[in-house]
Structures are given as C-alpha cells and as structure tokens.
Amino acid sequence: MDQLEDTIEQYKQELMRYAKENGRNYAAENEPQAKKKEEREPKQPQVEEKAEEDIPVWKKYKKNRPMPVEYEGEKAAEESKAVLPGKPENDELTQGSEREYGSFEEFERENPARGMLRIQAFAAQQAFPVVNAKIEVEKEFEDGTHTFSEAYTDINGVVENITLPTKDKSLSQAPGGVIPYTTYTVKVSHPHFAPIVFCEVPIFDGIESLQPVAMVQAGKKDVTNE
C-alpha cells in the first residue's frame, strides 16, 4: 500500500514538472511572435480633442440659458450659411476663379443660361419669418454695380423665383478650368433688424438655390457672410 501511494505521489510530481516546463516553452515560443505582431500593427493615432477656447462662445449656451447680446451676431452669421449646391473644393472645374467683366452687356453674353435663387428670412432661431425684408441681388463690373433683383419677403419671409444669368451647365462636362456657376452679392435689410450681406452666392444653370437668412435685432453689429 505504501508503495502505491509513493508511486501516485511521484506521478503527480512528474505531471506538475511537465506542466511547468511546457508553460515556459509556450511563452518563449510565442513572445517573439507577439512582439512582431505589435510592430506590424501601427498604433492608432490619438484624436486630439478640440480645445475649449476654439469652441464659439455662443455654442456653450444651452437652450434653457439666455445668450448674452454680444454673441447673437456671431450665432446668426453661422446659421445664415447658404444651403446651396456649393463649390466643390477639389474639383478641377473650380480651380479657376470667376473673371471680372467690363460691363453688364459683356457679362450677359458670357452667361446665357439661367439659374434661380430663393431667399428665406427668419429670426429667433427660425421661430418666426421676417416679413417685408428688402432683398437686393447685385454684381460688380468694371463700369459699376448692376442690380439684378430687388424684392421684399412675403408673409412667410420668402422671396422666390429670382432668375439670374449664369454659366451653361455643359461646362461641368468639359474640364477646362472654367467654373460652372456665377456668383452674386445678396443684401438683406429691414428697419427692425441689422443688415446682412452674403458675398459670392453661387447660381447654377437650371437649379434653384436656397439662401437662408438668420436676422438679428437692430442695434447689433452688421453680419457679412463670404
């Protein structure tokens, strides 16, 4: 009986020794592979959080907190960015710039197509429309400024179907450095609100572009969007 117990004890010790040796061998064999895998897989770049000071001040105010008057103009400027077909930043068609025209007659000859513009004026974060806001659409030439349209917003704060000369859309199918749209300056004014100017509003052939206008109470600084 004693001999059987000794045999069992010896067998247990052999198993423990075997397990320890094989565990060390496995770690030694796989350690180089783990290091190689770590070297092959590049570390993911850390996303740099936007600094607190880079965030516009008006965005830090929640809906249930009143916004200081001095920041309303900044907020209105960002809200008034045009919802337009846009200018593709990397398109080869837009690498050039719109050339200056000597006169309105020359401009009309080189812009035979027509595009449309719709203006929508509102206040208090789109809470209500601004009625009777004066809308002026114009463009500068070497011999002076030409006004293409002058109208007033309706009960919905809208002026629509403003038809304007522009480049033919066929230019977008034939790369050659000519931009396939024409830009205009849009001025918005109202006795109770600060005037707003939108520069280089693009108009495309056969497309109605929408220009939202977030107006600020009179007495605040003028808002210009380029």
Foldseek 3Di string as FASTA:
>chain_A
DVVVVVVVVVVVVVVVVVVVVVVVVVCVVCVVVVVVVVVVDDDDDDDDDDDPVVDQPQVVDDPVGDDDQQCPLVVQQVVQPWPFPDDDPPDLQAPADDDAAADPVRVCVQFVFKFWEKEWEAEDSNPAGDWFKWKWKWDAHNVGIDTQDIDTAHRRNMDTGSMDTWAAQVCVVPRDRHHQWFFIKMWIGDPFWAIEIEGGDTTHGPYYTYGYGYTHGPPHDYYYHD
